Amino acid sequence: CTASVASGRSFNSYAMGWFRQAPGKEREFVAAFGRSGGRSYYADSVK
């Protein structure tokens, strides 16, 4: 996933996440980084 970021902000200042949605189901969390990187977080189903 490649981001085009507005000038004046860095990509690193955004939290970045992955979600997924199967047919007939709600969108669910998969994994994410908080702002400024750091540790990552995962749904139990994909850990």
ModelCIF file with pLDDT and N, C-alpha, C, O atoms, coordinates in Angstrom:
data_MODEL
#
_entry.id   MODEL 
#
_entity.id                         1 
_entity.type                       polymer 
_entity.pdbx_number_of_molecules   1 
#
_entity_poly.entity_id                      1 
_entity_poly.type                           'polypeptide(L)' 
_entity_poly.nstd_linkage                   no 
_entity_poly.nstd_monomer                   no 
_entity_poly.pdbx_seq_one_letter_code       CTASVASGRSFNSYAMGWFRQAPGKEREFVAAFGRSGGRSYYADSVK 
_entity_poly.pdbx_seq_one_letter_code_can   CTASVASGRSFNSYAMGWFRQAPGKEREFVAAFGRSGGRSYYADSVK 
_entity_poly.pdbx_strand_id                 A 
#
loop_
_entity_poly_seq.entity_id 
_entity_poly_seq.num 
_entity_poly_seq.mon_id 
_entity_poly_seq.hetero 
1 1  CYS n 
1 2  THR n 
1 3  ALA n 
1 4  SER n 
1 5  VAL n 
1 6  ALA n 
1 7  SER n 
1 8  GLY n 
1 9  ARG n 
1 10 SER n 
1 11 PHE n 
1 12 ASN n 
1 13 SER n 
1 14 TYR n 
1 15 ALA n 
1 16 MET n 
1 17 GLY n 
1 18 TRP n 
1 19 PHE n 
1 20 ARG n 
1 21 GLN n 
1 22 ALA n 
1 23 PRO n 
1 24 GLY n 
1 25 LYS n 
1 26 GLU n 
1 27 ARG n 
1 28 GLU n 
1 29 PHE n 
1 30 VAL n 
1 31 ALA n 
1 32 ALA n 
1 33 PHE n 
1 34 GLY n 
1 35 ARG n 
1 36 SER n 
1 37 GLY n 
1 38 GLY n 
1 39 ARG n 
1 40 SER n 
1 41 TYR n 
1 42 TYR n 
1 43 ALA n 
1 44 ASP n 
1 45 SER n 
1 46 VAL n 
1 47 LYS n 
#
_struct_asym.id          A 
_struct_asym.entity_id   1 
#
loop_
_ma_qa_metric.id 
_ma_qa_metric.mode 
_ma_qa_metric.name 
_ma_qa_metric.software_group_id 
_ma_qa_metric.type 
1 global pLDDT . pLDDT 
2 local  pLDDT . pLDDT 
#
_ma_qa_metric_global.metric_id      1 
_ma_qa_metric_global.metric_value   91.47 
_ma_qa_metric_global.model_id       1 
_ma_qa_metric_global.ordinal_id     1 
#
loop_
_ma_qa_metric_local.label_asym_id 
_ma_qa_metric_local.label_comp_id 
_ma_qa_metric_local.label_seq_id 
_ma_qa_metric_local.metric_id 
_ma_qa_metric_local.metric_value 
_ma_qa_metric_local.model_id 
_ma_qa_metric_local.ordinal_id 
A CYS 1  2 97.00 1 1  
A THR 2  2 96.00 1 2  
A ALA 3  2 94.00 1 3  
A SER 4  2 93.00 1 4  
A VAL 5  2 88.00 1 5  
A ALA 6  2 80.00 1 6  
A SER 7  2 77.00 1 7  
A GLY 8  2 79.00 1 8  
A ARG 9  2 82.00 1 9  
A SER 10 2 87.00 1 10 
A PHE 11 2 88.00 1 11 
A ASN 12 2 87.00 1 12 
A SER 13 2 88.00 1 13 
A TYR 14 2 92.00 1 14 
A ALA 15 2 94.00 1 15 
A MET 16 2 95.00 1 16 
A GLY 17 2 96.00 1 17 
A TRP 18 2 98.00 1 18 
A PHE 19 2 98.00 1 19 
A ARG 20 2 98.00 1 20 
A GLN 21 2 98.00 1 21 
A ALA 22 2 96.00 1 22 
A PRO 23 2 92.00 1 23 
A GLY 24 2 94.00 1 24 
A LYS 25 2 96.00 1 25 
A GLU 26 2 96.00 1 26 
A ARG 27 2 97.00 1 27 
A GLU 28 2 97.00 1 28 
A PHE 29 2 98.00 1 29 
A VAL 30 2 98.00 1 30 
A ALA 31 2 98.00 1 31 
A ALA 32 2 96.00 1 32 
A PHE 33 2 90.00 1 33 
A GLY 34 2 87.00 1 34 
A ARG 35 2 84.00 1 35 
A SER 36 2 76.00 1 36 
A GLY 37 2 67.00 1 37 
A GLY 38 2 75.00 1 38 
A ARG 39 2 86.00 1 39 
A SER 40 2 93.00 1 40 
A TYR 41 2 95.00 1 41 
A TYR 42 2 97.00 1 42 
A ALA 43 2 97.00 1 43 
A ASP 44 2 97.00 1 44 
A SER 45 2 97.00 1 45 
A VAL 46 2 98.00 1 46 
A LYS 47 2 97.00 1 47 
#
loop_
_atom_site.group_PDB 
_atom_site.id 
_atom_site.type_symbol 
_atom_site.label_atom_id 
_atom_site.label_alt_id 
_atom_site.label_comp_id 
_atom_site.label_asym_id 
_atom_site.label_entity_id 
_atom_site.label_seq_id 
_atom_site.pdbx_PDB_ins_code 
_atom_site.Cartn_x 
_atom_site.Cartn_y 
_atom_site.Cartn_z 
_atom_site.occupancy 
_atom_site.B_iso_or_equiv 
_atom_site.pdbx_formal_charge 
_atom_site.auth_seq_id 
_atom_site.auth_comp_id 
_atom_site.auth_asym_id 
_atom_site.auth_atom_id 
_atom_site.pdbx_PDB_model_num 
ATOM 1   N N  . CYS A 1 1  ? 0.863   -1.180  0.000  1.00 97.00 ? 1  CYS A N  1 
ATOM 2   C CA . CYS A 1 1  ? 0.000   0.000   0.000  1.00 97.00 ? 1  CYS A CA 1 
ATOM 3   C C  . CYS A 1 1  ? 0.895   1.223   0.000  1.00 97.00 ? 1  CYS A C  1 
ATOM 4   O O  . CYS A 1 1  ? 1.622   1.473   0.962  1.00 97.00 ? 1  CYS A O  1 
ATOM 5   N N  . THR A 1 2  ? 0.840   1.982   -1.078 1.00 96.00 ? 2  THR A N  1 
ATOM 6   C CA . THR A 1 2  ? 1.673   3.164   -1.221 1.00 96.00 ? 2  THR A CA 1 
ATOM 7   C C  . THR A 1 2  ? 0.817   4.409   -1.066 1.00 96.00 ? 2  THR A C  1 
ATOM 8   O O  . THR A 1 2  ? -0.260  4.521   -1.651 1.00 96.00 ? 2  THR A O  1 
ATOM 9   N N  . ALA A 1 3  ? 1.313   5.337   -0.271 1.00 94.00 ? 3  ALA A N  1 
ATOM 10  C CA . ALA A 1 3  ? 0.557   6.541   0.047  1.00 94.00 ? 3  ALA A CA 1 
ATOM 11  C C  . ALA A 1 3  ? 1.124   7.757   -0.664 1.00 94.00 ? 3  ALA A C  1 
ATOM 12  O O  . ALA A 1 3  ? 2.338   7.936   -0.760 1.00 94.00 ? 3  ALA A O  1 
ATOM 13  N N  . SER A 1 4  ? 0.227   8.576   -1.153 1.00 93.00 ? 4  SER A N  1 
ATOM 14  C CA . SER A 1 4  ? 0.596   9.909   -1.643 1.00 93.00 ? 4  SER A CA 1 
ATOM 15  C C  . SER A 1 4  ? 0.200   10.886  -0.550 1.00 93.00 ? 4  SER A C  1 
ATOM 16  O O  . SER A 1 4  ? -0.984  11.112  -0.301 1.00 93.00 ? 4  SER A O  1 
ATOM 17  N N  . VAL A 1 5  ? 1.206   11.462  0.100  1.00 88.00 ? 5  VAL A N  1 
ATOM 18  C CA . VAL A 1 5  ? 0.987   12.290  1.276  1.00 88.00 ? 5  VAL A CA 1 
ATOM 19  C C  . VAL A 1 5  ? 1.112   13.756  0.907  1.00 88.00 ? 5  VAL A C  1 
ATOM 20  O O  . VAL A 1 5  ? 1.994   14.139  0.139  1.00 88.00 ? 5  VAL A O  1 
ATOM 21  N N  . ALA A 1 6  ? 0.227   14.572  1.457  1.00 80.00 ? 6  ALA A N  1 
ATOM 22  C CA . ALA A 1 6  ? 0.271   16.013  1.202  1.00 80.00 ? 6  ALA A CA 1 
ATOM 23  C C  . ALA A 1 6  ? 1.561   16.601  1.746  1.00 80.00 ? 6  ALA A C  1 
ATOM 24  O O  . ALA A 1 6  ? 2.102   16.130  2.747  1.00 80.00 ? 6  ALA A O  1 
ATOM 25  N N  . SER A 1 7  ? 2.045   17.634  1.077  1.00 77.00 ? 7  SER A N  1 
ATOM 26  C CA . SER A 1 7  ? 3.260   18.290  1.532  1.00 77.00 ? 7  SER A CA 1 
ATOM 27  C C  . SER A 1 7  ? 3.035   18.860  2.922  1.00 77.00 ? 7  SER A C  1 
ATOM 28  O O  . SER A 1 7  ? 1.941   19.320  3.247  1.00 77.00 ? 7  SER A O  1 
ATOM 29  N N  . GLY A 1 8  ? 4.054   18.827  3.719  1.00 79.00 ? 8  GLY A N  1 
ATOM 30  C CA . GLY A 1 8  ? 3.953   19.342  5.062  1.00 79.00 ? 8  GLY A CA 1 
ATOM 31  C C  . GLY A 1 8  ? 3.693   18.278  6.104  1.00 79.00 ? 8  GLY A C  1 
ATOM 32  O O  . GLY A 1 8  ? 3.813   18.543  7.300  1.00 79.00 ? 8  GLY A O  1 
ATOM 33  N N  . ARG A 1 9  ? 3.340   17.079  5.673  1.00 82.00 ? 9  ARG A N  1 
ATOM 34  C CA . ARG A 1 9  ? 3.154   15.967  6.595  1.00 82.00 ? 9  ARG A CA 1 
ATOM 35  C C  . ARG A 1 9  ? 3.998   14.810  6.125  1.00 82.00 ? 9  ARG A C  1 
ATOM 36  O O  . ARG A 1 9  ? 4.200   14.615  4.927  1.00 82.00 ? 9  ARG A O  1 
ATOM 37  N N  . SER A 1 10 ? 4.483   14.056  7.066  1.00 87.00 ? 10 SER A N  1 
ATOM 38  C CA . SER A 1 10 ? 5.274   12.886  6.713  1.00 87.00 ? 10 SER A CA 1 
ATOM 39  C C  . SER A 1 10 ? 4.418   11.636  6.803  1.00 87.00 ? 10 SER A C  1 
ATOM 40  O O  . SER A 1 10 ? 3.465   11.562  7.578  1.00 87.00 ? 10 SER A O  1 
ATOM 41  N N  . PHE A 1 11 ? 4.784   10.659  5.988  1.00 88.00 ? 11 PHE A N  1 
ATOM 42  C CA . PHE A 1 11 ? 4.090   9.377   6.008  1.00 88.00 ? 11 PHE A CA 1 
ATOM 43  C C  . PHE A 1 11 ? 4.113   8.774   7.404  1.00 88.00 ? 11 PHE A C  1 
ATOM 44  O O  . PHE A 1 11 ? 3.150   8.148   7.845  1.00 88.00 ? 11 PHE A O  1 
ATOM 45  N N  . ASN A 1 12 ? 5.224   8.974   8.085  1.00 87.00 ? 12 ASN A N  1 
ATOM 46  C CA . ASN A 1 12 ? 5.411   8.393   9.405  1.00 87.00 ? 12 ASN A CA 1 
ATOM 47  C C  . ASN A 1 12 ? 4.451   8.962   10.447 1.00 87.00 ? 12 ASN A C  1 
ATOM 48  O O  . ASN A 1 12 ? 4.292   8.384   11.523 1.00 87.00 ? 12 ASN A O  1 
ATOM 49  N N  . SER A 1 13 ? 3.818   10.075  10.141 1.00 88.00 ? 13 SER A N  1 
ATOM 50  C CA . SER A 1 13 ? 2.921   10.695  11.114 1.00 88.00 ? 13 SER A CA 1 
ATOM 51  C C  . SER A 1 13 ? 1.526   10.060  11.101 1.00 88.00 ? 13 SER A C  1 
ATOM 52  O O  . SER A 1 13 ? 0.679   10.398  11.927 1.00 88.00 ? 13 SER A O  1 
ATOM 53  N N  . TYR A 1 14 ? 1.295   9.143   10.164 1.00 92.00 ? 14 TYR A N  1 
ATOM 54  C CA . TYR A 1 14 ? 0.002   8.478   10.041 1.00 92.00 ? 14 TYR A CA 1 
ATOM 55  C C  . TYR A 1 14 ? 0.059   7.078   10.637 1.00 92.00 ? 14 TYR A C  1 
ATOM 56  O O  . TYR A 1 14 ? 1.037   6.353   10.450 1.00 92.00 ? 14 TYR A O  1 
ATOM 57  N N  . ALA A 1 15 ? -0.990  6.705   11.351 1.00 94.00 ? 15 ALA A N  1 
ATOM 58  C CA . ALA A 1 15 ? -1.185  5.302   11.674 1.00 94.00 ? 15 ALA A CA 1 
ATOM 59  C C  . ALA A 1 15 ? -1.592  4.588   10.389 1.00 94.00 ? 15 ALA A C  1 
ATOM 60  O O  . ALA A 1 15 ? -2.369  5.119   9.596  1.00 94.00 ? 15 ALA A O  1 
ATOM 61  N N  . MET A 1 16 ? -1.071  3.402   10.191 1.00 95.00 ? 16 MET A N  1 
ATOM 62  C CA . MET A 1 16 ? -1.372  2.640   8.976  1.00 95.00 ? 16 MET A CA 1 
ATOM 63  C C  . MET A 1 16 ? -1.938  1.282   9.359  1.00 95.00 ? 16 MET A C  1 
ATOM 64  O O  . MET A 1 16 ? -1.377  0.575   10.196 1.00 95.00 ? 16 MET A O  1 
ATOM 65  N N  . GLY A 1 17 ? -3.042  0.932   8.744  1.00 96.00 ? 17 GLY A N  1 
ATOM 66  C CA . GLY A 1 17 ? -3.675  -0.333  9.080  1.00 96.00 ? 17 GLY A CA 1 
ATOM 67  C C  . GLY A 1 17 ? -4.117  -1.115  7.860  1.00 96.00 ? 17 GLY A C  1 
ATOM 68  O O  . GLY A 1 17 ? -4.307  -0.567  6.774  1.00 96.00 ? 17 GLY A O  1 
ATOM 69  N N  . TRP A 1 18 ? -4.272  -2.389  8.067  1.00 98.00 ? 18 TRP A N  1 
ATOM 70  C CA . TRP A 1 18 ? -4.870  -3.283  7.071  1.00 98.00 ? 18 TRP A CA 1 
ATOM 71  C C  . TRP A 1 18 ? -6.161  -3.853  7.661  1.00 98.00 ? 18 TRP A C  1 
ATOM 72  O O  . TRP A 1 18 ? -6.205  -4.288  8.812  1.00 98.00 ? 18 TRP A O  1 
ATOM 73  N N  . PHE A 1 19 ? -7.193  -3.835  6.848  1.00 98.00 ? 19 PHE A N  1 
ATOM 74  C CA . PHE A 1 19 ? -8.472  -4.422  7.202  1.00 98.00 ? 19 PHE A CA 1 
ATOM 75  C C  . PHE A 1 19 ? -8.899  -5.353  6.076  1.00 98.00 ? 19 PHE A C  1 
ATOM 76  O O  . PHE A 1 19 ? -8.339  -5.313  4.980  1.00 98.00 ? 19 PHE A O  1 
ATOM 77  N N  . ARG A 1 20 ? -9.888  -6.186  6.349  1.00 98.00 ? 20 ARG A N  1 
ATOM 78  C CA . ARG A 1 20 ? -10.408 -7.052  5.299  1.00 98.00 ? 20 ARG A CA 1 
ATOM 79  C C  . ARG A 1 20 ? -11.915 -7.193  5.456  1.00 98.00 ? 20 ARG A C  1 
ATOM 80  O O  . ARG A 1 20 ? -12.477 -7.035  6.540  1.00 98.00 ? 20 ARG A O  1 
ATOM 81  N N  . GLN A 1 21 ? -12.538 -7.494  4.334  1.00 98.00 ? 21 GLN A N  1 
ATOM 82  C CA . GLN A 1 21 ? -13.985 -7.666  4.348  1.00 98.00 ? 21 GLN A CA 1 
ATOM 83  C C  . GLN A 1 21 ? -14.347 -8.818  3.430  1.00 98.00 ? 21 GLN A C  1 
ATOM 84  O O  . GLN A 1 21 ? -14.091 -8.782  2.227  1.00 98.00 ? 21 GLN A O  1 
ATOM 85  N N  . ALA A 1 22 ? -14.945 -9.837  4.018  1.00 96.00 ? 22 ALA A N  1 
ATOM 86  C CA . ALA A 1 22 ? -15.433 -10.982 3.258  1.00 96.00 ? 22 ALA A CA 1 
ATOM 87  C C  . ALA A 1 22 ? -16.891 -10.738 2.884  1.00 96.00 ? 22 ALA A C  1 
ATOM 88  O O  . ALA A 1 22 ? -17.568 -9.948  3.541  1.00 96.00 ? 22 ALA A O  1 
ATOM 89  N N  . PRO A 1 23 ? -17.383 -11.398 1.847  1.00 92.00 ? 23 PRO A N  1 
ATOM 90  C CA . PRO A 1 23 ? -18.779 -11.206 1.435  1.00 92.00 ? 23 PRO A CA 1 
ATOM 91  C C  . PRO A 1 23 ? -19.752 -11.466 2.576  1.00 92.00 ? 23 PRO A C  1 
ATOM 92  O O  . PRO A 1 23 ? -19.683 -12.501 3.239  1.00 92.00 ? 23 PRO A O  1 
ATOM 93  N N  . GLY A 1 24 ? -20.653 -10.525 2.796  1.00 94.00 ? 24 GLY A N  1 
ATOM 94  C CA . GLY A 1 24 ? -21.663 -10.685 3.825  1.00 94.00 ? 24 GLY A CA 1 
ATOM 95  C C  . GLY A 1 24 ? -21.193 -10.431 5.235  1.00 94.00 ? 24 GLY A C  1 
ATOM 96  O O  . GLY A 1 24 ? -21.947 -10.621 6.190  1.00 94.00 ? 24 GLY A O  1 
ATOM 97  N N  . LYS A 1 25 ? -19.953 -10.001 5.375  1.00 96.00 ? 25 LYS A N  1 
ATOM 98  C CA . LYS A 1 25 ? -19.392 -9.756  6.710  1.00 96.00 ? 25 LYS A CA 1 
ATOM 99  C C  . LYS A 1 25 ? -18.951 -8.309  6.845  1.00 96.00 ? 25 LYS A C  1 
ATOM 100 O O  . LYS A 1 25 ? -18.760 -7.601  5.856  1.00 96.00 ? 25 LYS A O  1 
ATOM 101 N N  . GLU A 1 26 ? -18.797 -7.889  8.085  1.00 96.00 ? 26 GLU A N  1 
ATOM 102 C CA . GLU A 1 26 ? -18.314 -6.537  8.338  1.00 96.00 ? 26 GLU A CA 1 
ATOM 103 C C  . GLU A 1 26 ? -16.805 -6.461  8.118  1.00 96.00 ? 26 GLU A C  1 
ATOM 104 O O  . GLU A 1 26 ? -16.093 -7.465  8.159  1.00 96.00 ? 26 GLU A O  1 
ATOM 105 N N  . ARG A 1 27 ? -16.354 -5.253  7.887  1.00 97.00 ? 27 ARG A N  1 
ATOM 106 C CA . ARG A 1 27 ? -14.919 -5.036  7.741  1.00 97.00 ? 27 ARG A CA 1 
ATOM 107 C C  . ARG A 1 27 ? -14.246 -5.317  9.080  1.00 97.00 ? 27 ARG A C  1 
ATOM 108 O O  . ARG A 1 27 ? -14.707 -4.863  10.127 1.00 97.00 ? 27 ARG A O  1 
ATOM 109 N N  . GLU A 1 28 ? -13.151 -6.069  9.032  1.00 97.00 ? 28 GLU A N  1 
ATOM 110 C CA . GLU A 1 28 ? -12.486 -6.433  10.269 1.00 97.00 ? 28 GLU A CA 1 
ATOM 111 C C  . GLU A 1 28 ? -11.010 -6.055  10.242 1.00 97.00 ? 28 GLU A C  1 
ATOM 112 O O  . GLU A 1 28 ? -10.369 -6.026  9.192  1.00 97.00 ? 28 GLU A O  1 
ATOM 113 N N  . PHE A 1 29 ? -10.506 -5.772  11.413 1.00 98.00 ? 29 PHE A N  1 
ATOM 114 C CA . PHE A 1 29 ? -9.108  -5.395  11.596 1.00 98.00 ? 29 PHE A CA 1 
ATOM 115 C C  . PHE A 1 29 ? -8.198  -6.578  11.347 1.00 98.00 ? 29 PHE A C  1 
ATOM 116 O O  . PHE A 1 29 ? -8.506  -7.708  11.726 1.00 98.00 ? 29 PHE A O  1 
ATOM 117 N N  . VAL A 1 30 ? -7.061  -6.304  10.697 1.00 98.00 ? 30 VAL A N  1 
ATOM 118 C CA . VAL A 1 30 ? -6.059  -7.336  10.457 1.00 98.00 ? 30 VAL A CA 1 
ATOM 119 C C  . VAL A 1 30 ? -4.759  -6.997  11.185 1.00 98.00 ? 30 VAL A C  1 
ATOM 120 O O  . VAL A 1 30 ? -4.274  -7.785  11.997 1.00 98.00 ? 30 VAL A O  1 
ATOM 121 N N  . ALA A 1 31 ? -4.199  -5.826  10.891 1.00 98.00 ? 31 ALA A N  1 
ATOM 122 C CA . ALA A 1 31 ? -2.918  -5.441  11.481 1.00 98.00 ? 31 ALA A CA 1 
ATOM 123 C C  . ALA A 1 31 ? -2.733  -3.934  11.336 1.00 98.00 ? 31 ALA A C  1 
ATOM 124 O O  . ALA A 1 31 ? -3.357  -3.309  10.478 1.00 98.00 ? 31 ALA A O  1 
ATOM 125 N N  . ALA A 1 32 ? -1.882  -3.356  12.167 1.00 96.00 ? 32 ALA A N  1 
ATOM 126 C CA . ALA A 1 32 ? -1.664  -1.914  12.095 1.00 96.00 ? 32 ALA A CA 1 
ATOM 127 C C  . ALA A 1 32 ? -0.373  -1.510  12.780 1.00 96.00 ? 32 ALA A C  1 
ATOM 128 O O  . ALA A 1 32 ? 0.158   -2.208  13.644 1.00 96.00 ? 32 ALA A O  1 
ATOM 129 N N  . PHE A 1 33 ? 0.107   -0.348  12.354 1.00 90.00 ? 33 PHE A N  1 
ATOM 130 C CA . PHE A 1 33 ? 1.171   0.376   13.028 1.00 90.00 ? 33 PHE A CA 1 
ATOM 131 C C  . PHE A 1 33 ? 0.569   1.654   13.579 1.00 90.00 ? 33 PHE A C  1 
ATOM 132 O O  . PHE A 1 33 ? -0.267  2.280   12.928 1.00 90.00 ? 33 PHE A O  1 
ATOM 133 N N  . GLY A 1 34 ? 0.985   2.045   14.770 1.00 87.00 ? 34 GLY A N  1 
ATOM 134 C CA . GLY A 1 34 ? 0.592   3.340   15.269 1.00 87.00 ? 34 GLY A CA 1 
ATOM 135 C C  . GLY A 1 34 ? 1.359   4.453   14.576 1.00 87.00 ? 34 GLY A C  1 
ATOM 136 O O  . GLY A 1 34 ? 2.266   4.194   13.785 1.00 87.00 ? 34 GLY A O  1 
ATOM 137 N N  . ARG A 1 35 ? 0.992   5.690   14.875 1.00 84.00 ? 35 ARG A N  1 
ATOM 138 C CA . ARG A 1 35 ? 1.724   6.828   14.327 1.00 84.00 ? 35 ARG A CA 1 
ATOM 139 C C  . ARG A 1 35 ? 3.173   6.773   14.780 1.00 84.00 ? 35 ARG A C  1 
ATOM 140 O O  . ARG A 1 35 ? 3.473   6.314   15.882 1.00 84.00 ? 35 ARG A O  1 
ATOM 141 N N  . SER A 1 36 ? 4.062   7.241   13.926 1.00 76.00 ? 36 SER A N  1 
ATOM 142 C CA . SER A 1 36 ? 5.505   7.218   14.184 1.00 76.00 ? 36 SER A CA 1 
ATOM 143 C C  . SER A 1 36 ? 6.043   5.796   14.286 1.00 76.00 ? 36 SER A C  1 
ATOM 144 O O  . SER A 1 36 ? 7.066   5.566   14.930 1.00 76.00 ? 36 SER A O  1 
ATOM 145 N N  . GLY A 1 37 ? 5.364   4.843   13.657 1.00 67.00 ? 37 GLY A N  1 
ATOM 146 C CA . GLY A 1 37 ? 5.864   3.473   13.616 1.00 67.00 ? 37 GLY A CA 1 
ATOM 147 C C  . GLY A 1 37 ? 5.780   2.808   14.962 1.00 67.00 ? 37 GLY A C  1 
ATOM 148 O O  . GLY A 1 37 ? 4.719   2.788   15.586 1.00 67.00 ? 37 GLY A O  1 
ATOM 149 N N  . GLY A 1 38 ? 6.881   2.265   15.416 1.00 75.00 ? 38 GLY A N  1 
ATOM 150 C CA . GLY A 1 38 ? 6.855   1.594   16.697 1.00 75.00 ? 38 GLY A CA 1 
ATOM 151 C C  . GLY A 1 38 ? 6.335   0.177   16.557 1.00 75.00 ? 38 GLY A C  1 
ATOM 152 O O  . GLY A 1 38 ? 6.550   -0.470  15.532 1.00 75.00 ? 38 GLY A O  1 
ATOM 153 N N  . ARG A 1 39 ? 5.662   -0.301  17.569 1.00 86.00 ? 39 ARG A N  1 
ATOM 154 C CA . ARG A 1 39 ? 5.236   -1.673  17.563 1.00 86.00 ? 39 ARG A CA 1 
ATOM 155 C C  . ARG A 1 39 ? 4.045   -1.873  16.645 1.00 86.00 ? 39 ARG A C  1 
ATOM 156 O O  . ARG A 1 39 ? 3.328   -0.934  16.299 1.00 86.00 ? 39 ARG A O  1 
ATOM 157 N N  . SER A 1 40 ? 3.859   -3.120  16.268 1.00 93.00 ? 40 SER A N  1 
ATOM 158 C CA . SER A 1 40 ? 2.756   -3.486  15.405 1.00 93.00 ? 40 SER A CA 1 
ATOM 159 C C  . SER A 1 40 ? 1.696   -4.231  16.201 1.00 93.00 ? 40 SER A C  1 
ATOM 160 O O  . SER A 1 40 ? 1.969   -4.779  17.269 1.00 93.00 ? 40 SER A O  1 
ATOM 161 N N  . TYR A 1 41 ? 0.482   -4.241  15.661 1.00 95.00 ? 41 TYR A N  1 
ATOM 162 C CA . TYR A 1 41 ? -0.650  -4.863  16.336 1.00 95.00 ? 41 TYR A CA 1 
ATOM 163 C C  . TYR A 1 41 ? -1.362  -5.787  15.345 1.00 95.00 ? 41 TYR A C  1 
ATOM 164 O O  . TYR A 1 41 ? -1.451  -5.487  14.155 1.00 95.00 ? 41 TYR A O  1 
ATOM 165 N N  . TYR A 1 42 ? -1.859  -6.894  15.847 1.00 97.00 ? 42 TYR A N  1 
ATOM 166 C CA . TYR A 1 42 ? -2.468  -7.891  14.983 1.00 97.00 ? 42 TYR A CA 1 
ATOM 167 C C  . TYR A 1 42 ? -3.773  -8.414  15.568 1.00 97.00 ? 42 TYR A C  1 
ATOM 168 O O  . TYR A 1 42 ? -3.946  -8.483  16.785 1.00 97.00 ? 42 TYR A O  1 
ATOM 169 N N  . ALA A 1 43 ? -4.680  -8.779  14.678 1.00 97.00 ? 43 ALA A N  1 
ATOM 170 C CA . ALA A 1 43 ? -5.846  -9.539  15.100 1.00 97.00 ? 43 ALA A CA 1 
ATOM 171 C C  . ALA A 1 43 ? -5.391  -10.937 15.508 1.00 97.00 ? 43 ALA A C  1 
ATOM 172 O O  . ALA A 1 43 ? -4.430  -11.473 14.958 1.00 97.00 ? 43 ALA A O  1 
ATOM 173 N N  . ASP A 1 44 ? -6.082  -11.511 16.463 1.00 97.00 ? 44 ASP A N  1 
ATOM 174 C CA . ASP A 1 44 ? -5.706  -12.842 16.945 1.00 97.00 ? 44 ASP A CA 1 
ATOM 175 C C  . ASP A 1 44 ? -5.717  -13.871 15.817 1.00 97.00 ? 44 ASP A C  1 
ATOM 176 O O  . ASP A 1 44 ? -4.927  -14.815 15.821 1.00 97.00 ? 44 ASP A O  1 
ATOM 177 N N  . SER A 1 45 ? -6.604  -13.685 14.864 1.00 97.00 ? 45 SER A N  1 
ATOM 178 C CA . SER A 1 45 ? -6.768  -14.670 13.800 1.00 97.00 ? 45 SER A CA 1 
ATOM 179 C C  . SER A 1 45 ? -5.578  -14.728 12.847 1.00 97.00 ? 45 SER A C  1 
ATOM 180 O O  . SER A 1 45 ? -5.433  -15.695 12.098 1.00 97.00 ? 45 SER A O  1 
ATOM 181 N N  . VAL A 1 46 ? -4.722  -13.701 12.867 1.00 98.00 ? 46 VAL A N  1 
ATOM 182 C CA . VAL A 1 46 ? -3.587  -13.687 11.937 1.00 98.00 ? 46 VAL A CA 1 
ATOM 183 C C  . VAL A 1 46 ? -2.235  -13.674 12.640 1.00 98.00 ? 46 VAL A C  1 
ATOM 184 O O  . VAL A 1 46 ? -1.197  -13.732 11.980 1.00 98.00 ? 46 VAL A O  1 
ATOM 185 N N  . LYS A 1 47 ? -2.233  -13.599 13.954 1.00 97.00 ? 47 LYS A N  1 
ATOM 186 C CA . LYS A 1 47 ? -0.963  -13.570 14.691 1.00 97.00 ? 47 LYS A CA 1 
ATOM 187 C C  . LYS A 1 47 ? -0.132  -14.796 14.371 1.00 97.00 ? 47 LYS A C  1 
ATOM 188 O O  . LYS A 1 47 ? 0.971   -14.949 14.896 1.00 97.00 ? 47 LYS A O  1 
#
